């Protein structure tokens, strides 16, 4: 009788393990598809949002953080990225780290905007 219950628990564990493996395999495949799509169109805001939401929905916080970092670096003027990034950090309780990271990224955004303004000013001087 003890042997039968042991096998039943082994089968339950095996089934749970298989479901878990399938779940992570699906996430891995989805990541591959999203990354290929971003290779084709890295300026698609909807694509970035869906990719990061998939990671957050599956509780892959570090993957989501990496994606937000990439997204705000590539598209610094997309406000949705900044809002969702800071919201995610608040939800996971990383307010101090969030504040430092967001301030650093805003500083980067200011530099980019100043550079673009300088370039436009130089372009305007040459056209007169």
N, C-alpha and C. Protein backbone atom coordinates (compact mmCIF):
# COMPACT_ATOMS: atom_id res chain seq x y z
N UNK A 1 0.82 -1.19 0.00
CA UNK A 1 0.00 0.00 0.00
C UNK A 1 0.87 1.27 0.00
N UNK A 2 1.94 1.27 0.76
CA UNK A 2 2.85 2.41 0.80
C UNK A 2 3.51 2.64 -0.54
N UNK A 3 3.77 1.54 -1.25
CA UNK A 3 4.41 1.64 -2.55
C UNK A 3 3.49 2.32 -3.57
N UNK A 4 2.17 1.99 -3.49
CA UNK A 4 1.22 2.58 -4.42
C UNK A 4 1.11 4.09 -4.22
N UNK A 5 1.03 4.53 -2.96
CA UNK A 5 0.89 5.96 -2.70
C UNK A 5 2.16 6.72 -3.08
N UNK A 6 3.31 6.04 -2.93
CA UNK A 6 4.55 6.68 -3.32
C UNK A 6 4.57 6.92 -4.84
N UNK A 7 4.12 5.95 -5.59
CA UNK A 7 4.08 6.11 -7.04
C UNK A 7 3.08 7.20 -7.45
N UNK A 8 1.97 7.27 -6.74
CA UNK A 8 0.97 8.30 -7.06
C UNK A 8 1.56 9.69 -6.82
N UNK A 9 2.31 9.84 -5.73
CA UNK A 9 2.92 11.14 -5.47
C UNK A 9 4.01 11.44 -6.50
N UNK A 10 4.73 10.41 -6.94
CA UNK A 10 5.74 10.61 -7.99
C UNK A 10 5.08 11.05 -9.29
N UNK A 11 3.94 10.46 -9.60
CA UNK A 11 3.22 10.82 -10.82
C UNK A 11 2.73 12.27 -10.73
N UNK A 12 2.19 12.65 -9.56
CA UNK A 12 1.73 14.04 -9.38
C UNK A 12 2.89 15.01 -9.55
N UNK A 13 4.04 14.68 -8.94
CA UNK A 13 5.21 15.54 -9.06
C UNK A 13 5.65 15.62 -10.52
N UNK A 14 5.65 14.49 -11.19
CA UNK A 14 6.07 14.46 -12.58
C UNK A 14 5.14 15.31 -13.45
N UNK A 15 3.84 15.24 -13.19
CA UNK A 15 2.88 16.04 -13.95
C UNK A 15 3.10 17.52 -13.70
N UNK A 16 3.29 17.90 -12.42
CA UNK A 16 3.54 19.30 -12.10
C UNK A 16 4.82 19.78 -12.76
N UNK A 17 5.84 18.94 -12.74
CA UNK A 17 7.12 19.29 -13.35
C UNK A 17 6.95 19.50 -14.85
N UNK A 18 6.21 18.62 -15.50
CA UNK A 18 5.98 18.74 -16.94
C UNK A 18 5.23 20.03 -17.28
N UNK A 19 4.22 20.37 -16.47
CA UNK A 19 3.46 21.60 -16.70
C UNK A 19 4.37 22.81 -16.54
N UNK A 20 5.20 22.79 -15.50
CA UNK A 20 6.13 23.89 -15.26
C UNK A 20 7.13 24.02 -16.41
N UNK A 21 7.67 22.90 -16.86
CA UNK A 21 8.62 22.93 -17.97
C UNK A 21 7.96 23.47 -19.24
N UNK A 22 6.73 23.04 -19.50
CA UNK A 22 6.02 23.53 -20.68
C UNK A 22 5.78 25.03 -20.58
N UNK A 23 5.46 25.50 -19.36
CA UNK A 23 5.21 26.93 -19.15
C UNK A 23 6.47 27.73 -19.48
N UNK A 24 7.62 27.31 -18.97
CA UNK A 24 8.86 28.04 -19.24
C UNK A 24 9.30 27.90 -20.68
N UNK A 25 9.00 26.79 -21.30
CA UNK A 25 9.31 26.63 -22.72
C UNK A 25 8.48 27.60 -23.56
N UNK A 26 7.22 27.79 -23.18
CA UNK A 26 6.35 28.74 -23.89
C UNK A 26 6.89 30.15 -23.73
N UNK A 27 7.33 30.52 -22.51
CA UNK A 27 7.90 31.85 -22.28
C UNK A 27 9.16 32.03 -23.12
N UNK A 28 10.00 31.01 -23.14
CA UNK A 28 11.24 31.08 -23.92
C UNK A 28 10.93 31.29 -25.40
N UNK A 29 9.95 30.57 -25.91
CA UNK A 29 9.57 30.72 -27.33
C UNK A 29 8.99 32.10 -27.58
N UNK A 30 8.17 32.58 -26.66
CA UNK A 30 7.57 33.91 -26.82
C UNK A 30 8.66 34.98 -26.83
N UNK A 31 9.65 34.84 -25.95
CA UNK A 31 10.76 35.80 -25.93
C UNK A 31 11.48 35.80 -27.28
N UNK A 32 11.71 34.63 -27.81
CA UNK A 32 12.39 34.52 -29.10
C UNK A 32 11.61 35.24 -30.19
N UNK A 33 10.30 35.06 -30.20
CA UNK A 33 9.46 35.70 -31.21
C UNK A 33 9.47 37.22 -31.04
N UNK A 34 9.33 37.68 -29.78
CA UNK A 34 9.35 39.12 -29.53
C UNK A 34 10.69 39.73 -29.92
N UNK A 35 11.79 39.05 -29.60
CA UNK A 35 13.11 39.60 -29.93
C UNK A 35 13.29 39.69 -31.45
N UNK A 36 12.81 38.70 -32.18
CA UNK A 36 12.91 38.77 -33.64
C UNK A 36 12.06 39.91 -34.19
N UNK A 37 10.89 40.10 -33.58
CA UNK A 37 10.02 41.20 -34.02
C UNK A 37 10.67 42.55 -33.73
N UNK A 38 11.34 42.67 -32.58
CA UNK A 38 12.04 43.92 -32.25
C UNK A 38 13.23 44.16 -33.18
N UNK A 39 13.85 43.09 -33.65
CA UNK A 39 14.93 43.24 -34.63
C UNK A 39 14.41 43.88 -35.91
N UNK A 40 13.18 43.56 -36.27
CA UNK A 40 12.58 44.09 -37.48
C UNK A 40 12.07 45.51 -37.27
N UNK A 41 11.39 45.76 -36.13
CA UNK A 41 10.78 47.07 -35.88
C UNK A 41 10.99 47.47 -34.42
N UNK A 42 12.17 48.02 -34.12
CA UNK A 42 12.49 48.36 -32.75
C UNK A 42 11.84 49.65 -32.27
N UNK A 43 11.15 50.35 -33.14
CA UNK A 43 10.47 51.59 -32.75
C UNK A 43 8.97 51.40 -32.52
N UNK A 44 8.51 50.16 -32.53
CA UNK A 44 7.09 49.86 -32.34
C UNK A 44 6.78 49.85 -30.84
N UNK A 45 6.10 50.89 -30.38
CA UNK A 45 5.81 51.03 -28.95
C UNK A 45 4.90 49.92 -28.46
N UNK A 46 3.89 49.55 -29.25
CA UNK A 46 2.97 48.49 -28.85
C UNK A 46 3.69 47.17 -28.65
N UNK A 47 4.64 46.88 -29.49
CA UNK A 47 5.42 45.65 -29.38
C UNK A 47 6.20 45.62 -28.07
N UNK A 48 6.87 46.73 -27.73
CA UNK A 48 7.61 46.80 -26.46
C UNK A 48 6.66 46.61 -25.27
N UNK A 49 5.50 47.26 -25.33
CA UNK A 49 4.55 47.17 -24.22
C UNK A 49 4.04 45.74 -24.04
N UNK A 50 3.70 45.09 -25.14
CA UNK A 50 3.19 43.72 -25.04
C UNK A 50 4.27 42.76 -24.51
N UNK A 51 5.50 42.95 -24.95
CA UNK A 51 6.62 42.11 -24.53
C UNK A 51 6.86 42.27 -23.02
N UNK A 52 6.93 43.51 -22.56
CA UNK A 52 7.18 43.72 -21.13
C UNK A 52 6.00 43.28 -20.28
N UNK A 53 4.78 43.48 -20.78
CA UNK A 53 3.61 43.01 -20.03
C UNK A 53 3.59 41.50 -19.92
N UNK A 54 4.04 40.80 -20.97
CA UNK A 54 4.13 39.34 -20.90
C UNK A 54 5.11 38.93 -19.81
N UNK A 55 6.24 39.61 -19.73
CA UNK A 55 7.24 39.29 -18.70
C UNK A 55 6.70 39.57 -17.30
N UNK A 56 6.03 40.69 -17.14
CA UNK A 56 5.48 41.02 -15.82
C UNK A 56 4.36 40.07 -15.44
N UNK A 57 3.52 39.70 -16.38
CA UNK A 57 2.43 38.77 -16.12
C UNK A 57 2.96 37.42 -15.64
N UNK A 58 4.14 37.04 -16.13
CA UNK A 58 4.75 35.77 -15.73
C UNK A 58 5.75 35.94 -14.59
N UNK A 59 5.70 37.10 -13.93
CA UNK A 59 6.53 37.39 -12.75
C UNK A 59 8.03 37.30 -13.02
N UNK A 60 8.43 37.70 -14.21
CA UNK A 60 9.83 37.73 -14.60
C UNK A 60 10.32 39.18 -14.50
N UNK A 61 10.48 39.64 -13.25
CA UNK A 61 10.76 41.05 -12.98
C UNK A 61 12.09 41.49 -13.59
N UNK A 62 13.13 40.70 -13.45
CA UNK A 62 14.43 41.11 -13.99
C UNK A 62 14.40 41.21 -15.51
N UNK A 63 13.72 40.29 -16.16
CA UNK A 63 13.58 40.38 -17.62
C UNK A 63 12.81 41.65 -17.99
N UNK A 64 11.76 41.94 -17.24
CA UNK A 64 10.97 43.15 -17.51
C UNK A 64 11.82 44.40 -17.31
N UNK A 65 12.62 44.42 -16.25
CA UNK A 65 13.50 45.57 -16.00
C UNK A 65 14.46 45.79 -17.16
N UNK A 66 15.06 44.71 -17.61
CA UNK A 66 16.00 44.81 -18.73
C UNK A 66 15.30 45.36 -19.98
N UNK A 67 14.07 44.90 -20.20
CA UNK A 67 13.31 45.39 -21.35
C UNK A 67 12.98 46.87 -21.22
N UNK A 68 12.55 47.28 -20.01
CA UNK A 68 12.25 48.70 -19.81
C UNK A 68 13.49 49.54 -20.03
N UNK A 69 14.64 49.08 -19.53
CA UNK A 69 15.89 49.82 -19.74
C UNK A 69 16.17 49.98 -21.24
N UNK A 70 16.02 48.89 -21.97
CA UNK A 70 16.26 48.96 -23.41
C UNK A 70 15.25 49.89 -24.09
N UNK A 71 13.99 49.78 -23.69
CA UNK A 71 12.93 50.56 -24.33
C UNK A 71 13.12 52.05 -24.11
N UNK A 72 13.41 52.46 -22.87
CA UNK A 72 13.57 53.90 -22.62
C UNK A 72 14.86 54.43 -23.20
N UNK A 73 15.84 53.58 -23.44
CA UNK A 73 17.07 54.02 -24.09
C UNK A 73 16.83 54.22 -25.58
N UNK A 74 16.10 53.32 -26.21
CA UNK A 74 15.84 53.41 -27.64
C UNK A 74 14.80 54.49 -27.96
N UNK A 75 13.74 54.54 -27.13
CA UNK A 75 12.65 55.51 -27.35
C UNK A 75 12.45 56.36 -26.09
N UNK A 76 13.36 57.28 -25.82
CA UNK A 76 13.29 58.02 -24.55
C UNK A 76 12.09 58.95 -24.43
N UNK A 77 11.46 59.30 -25.53
CA UNK A 77 10.33 60.22 -25.46
C UNK A 77 8.98 59.52 -25.37
N UNK A 78 8.97 58.21 -25.30
CA UNK A 78 7.72 57.46 -25.17
C UNK A 78 7.31 57.46 -23.69
N UNK A 79 6.35 58.31 -23.36
CA UNK A 79 5.94 58.47 -21.96
C UNK A 79 5.39 57.19 -21.34
N UNK A 80 4.72 56.36 -22.13
CA UNK A 80 4.15 55.13 -21.59
C UNK A 80 5.22 54.26 -20.95
N UNK A 81 6.40 54.22 -21.55
CA UNK A 81 7.48 53.40 -21.01
C UNK A 81 7.88 53.89 -19.62
N UNK A 82 8.03 55.21 -19.48
CA UNK A 82 8.45 55.77 -18.20
C UNK A 82 7.40 55.49 -17.13
N UNK A 83 6.13 55.69 -17.47
CA UNK A 83 5.06 55.47 -16.49
C UNK A 83 4.97 54.01 -16.07
N UNK A 84 4.99 53.13 -17.06
CA UNK A 84 4.85 51.70 -16.73
C UNK A 84 6.08 51.16 -16.01
N UNK A 85 7.24 51.67 -16.39
CA UNK A 85 8.48 51.25 -15.73
C UNK A 85 8.45 51.64 -14.25
N UNK A 86 8.11 52.89 -13.97
CA UNK A 86 8.07 53.34 -12.58
C UNK A 86 6.96 52.63 -11.82
N UNK A 87 5.83 52.37 -12.47
CA UNK A 87 4.73 51.65 -11.83
C UNK A 87 5.16 50.23 -11.44
N UNK A 88 5.86 49.56 -12.35
CA UNK A 88 6.33 48.20 -12.05
C UNK A 88 7.26 48.21 -10.84
N UNK A 89 8.18 49.17 -10.81
CA UNK A 89 9.12 49.24 -9.68
C UNK A 89 8.39 49.52 -8.38
N UNK A 90 7.36 50.35 -8.42
CA UNK A 90 6.56 50.59 -7.21
C UNK A 90 5.85 49.33 -6.77
N UNK A 91 5.33 48.57 -7.72
CA UNK A 91 4.58 47.35 -7.39
C UNK A 91 5.48 46.29 -6.76
N UNK A 92 6.72 46.22 -7.17
CA UNK A 92 7.63 45.22 -6.58
C UNK A 92 8.32 45.76 -5.34
N UNK A 93 8.04 47.04 -5.00
CA UNK A 93 8.57 47.60 -3.76
C UNK A 93 9.98 48.15 -3.87
N UNK A 94 10.43 48.45 -5.06
CA UNK A 94 11.78 48.96 -5.26
C UNK A 94 11.74 50.46 -5.50
N UNK A 95 11.19 51.18 -4.54
CA UNK A 95 11.00 52.62 -4.74
C UNK A 95 12.33 53.35 -4.74
N UNK A 96 13.26 52.99 -3.83
CA UNK A 96 14.55 53.68 -3.77
C UNK A 96 15.35 53.44 -5.05
N UNK A 97 15.44 52.18 -5.46
CA UNK A 97 16.15 51.85 -6.70
C UNK A 97 15.47 52.46 -7.90
N UNK A 98 14.15 52.49 -7.86
CA UNK A 98 13.37 53.06 -8.94
C UNK A 98 13.68 54.55 -9.08
N UNK A 99 13.72 55.26 -7.95
CA UNK A 99 13.96 56.70 -7.99
C UNK A 99 15.33 57.01 -8.59
N UNK A 100 16.35 56.28 -8.16
CA UNK A 100 17.70 56.51 -8.69
C UNK A 100 17.77 56.21 -10.18
N UNK A 101 17.17 55.09 -10.58
CA UNK A 101 17.22 54.70 -11.99
C UNK A 101 16.44 55.68 -12.86
N UNK A 102 15.26 56.07 -12.41
CA UNK A 102 14.45 56.99 -13.19
C UNK A 102 15.13 58.35 -13.31
N UNK A 103 15.75 58.82 -12.21
CA UNK A 103 16.47 60.10 -12.27
C UNK A 103 17.64 60.04 -13.25
N UNK A 104 18.35 58.92 -13.24
CA UNK A 104 19.47 58.76 -14.18
C UNK A 104 18.97 58.73 -15.62
N UNK A 105 17.86 58.07 -15.84
CA UNK A 105 17.32 58.01 -17.20
C UNK A 105 16.77 59.36 -17.65
N UNK A 106 16.16 60.11 -16.72
CA UNK A 106 15.71 61.46 -17.08
C UNK A 106 16.89 62.36 -17.42
N UNK A 107 18.00 62.20 -16.70
CA UNK A 107 19.20 62.98 -17.02
C UNK A 107 19.67 62.65 -18.43
N UNK A 108 19.62 61.36 -18.78
CA UNK A 108 19.98 60.95 -20.13
C UNK A 108 19.03 61.57 -21.16
N UNK A 109 17.75 61.58 -20.85
CA UNK A 109 16.77 62.18 -21.75
C UNK A 109 17.04 63.67 -21.95
N UNK A 110 17.37 64.37 -20.87
CA UNK A 110 17.68 65.80 -20.99
C UNK A 110 18.88 66.02 -21.90
N UNK A 111 19.91 65.18 -21.76
CA UNK A 111 21.09 65.31 -22.63
C UNK A 111 20.71 65.10 -24.09
N UNK A 112 19.86 64.11 -24.33
CA UNK A 112 19.43 63.82 -25.71
C UNK A 112 18.67 65.00 -26.28
N UNK A 113 17.76 65.57 -25.48
CA UNK A 113 16.95 66.69 -25.95
C UNK A 113 17.85 67.90 -26.23
N UNK A 114 18.82 68.17 -25.33
CA UNK A 114 19.75 69.28 -25.56
C UNK A 114 20.56 69.07 -26.83
N UNK A 115 21.02 67.85 -27.05
CA UNK A 115 21.79 67.54 -28.24
C UNK A 115 20.95 67.74 -29.50
N UNK A 116 19.70 67.26 -29.46
CA UNK A 116 18.82 67.43 -30.62
C UNK A 116 18.55 68.91 -30.88
N UNK A 117 18.37 69.69 -29.81
CA UNK A 117 18.13 71.12 -29.96
C UNK A 117 19.35 71.80 -30.58
N UNK A 118 20.54 71.41 -30.12
CA UNK A 118 21.78 71.98 -30.68
C UNK A 118 21.92 71.64 -32.15
N UNK A 119 21.61 70.43 -32.51
CA UNK A 119 21.71 70.00 -33.90
C UNK A 119 20.74 70.78 -34.77
N UNK A 120 19.52 70.96 -34.27
CA UNK A 120 18.51 71.73 -35.03
C UNK A 120 18.96 73.18 -35.20
N UNK A 121 19.54 73.73 -34.14
CA UNK A 121 20.03 75.12 -34.23
C UNK A 121 21.14 75.24 -35.26
N UNK A 122 22.04 74.27 -35.29
CA UNK A 122 23.12 74.29 -36.28
C UNK A 122 22.59 74.11 -37.69
N UNK A 123 21.58 73.25 -37.83
CA UNK A 123 20.96 73.07 -39.15
C UNK A 123 20.30 74.35 -39.63
N UNK A 124 19.69 75.08 -38.70
CA UNK A 124 19.02 76.34 -39.05
C UNK A 124 20.02 77.40 -39.47
N UNK A 125 21.23 77.39 -38.88
CA UNK A 125 22.24 78.39 -39.23
C UNK A 125 22.75 78.16 -40.64
N UNK A 126 22.91 76.93 -41.03
CA UNK A 126 23.46 76.61 -42.35
C UNK A 126 22.49 76.87 -43.49
N UNK A 127 21.17 76.91 -43.21
CA UNK A 127 20.18 77.06 -44.28
C UNK A 127 19.91 78.51 -44.63
N UNK A 128 20.38 79.45 -43.83
CA UNK A 128 20.09 80.87 -44.09
C UNK A 128 20.89 81.43 -45.20
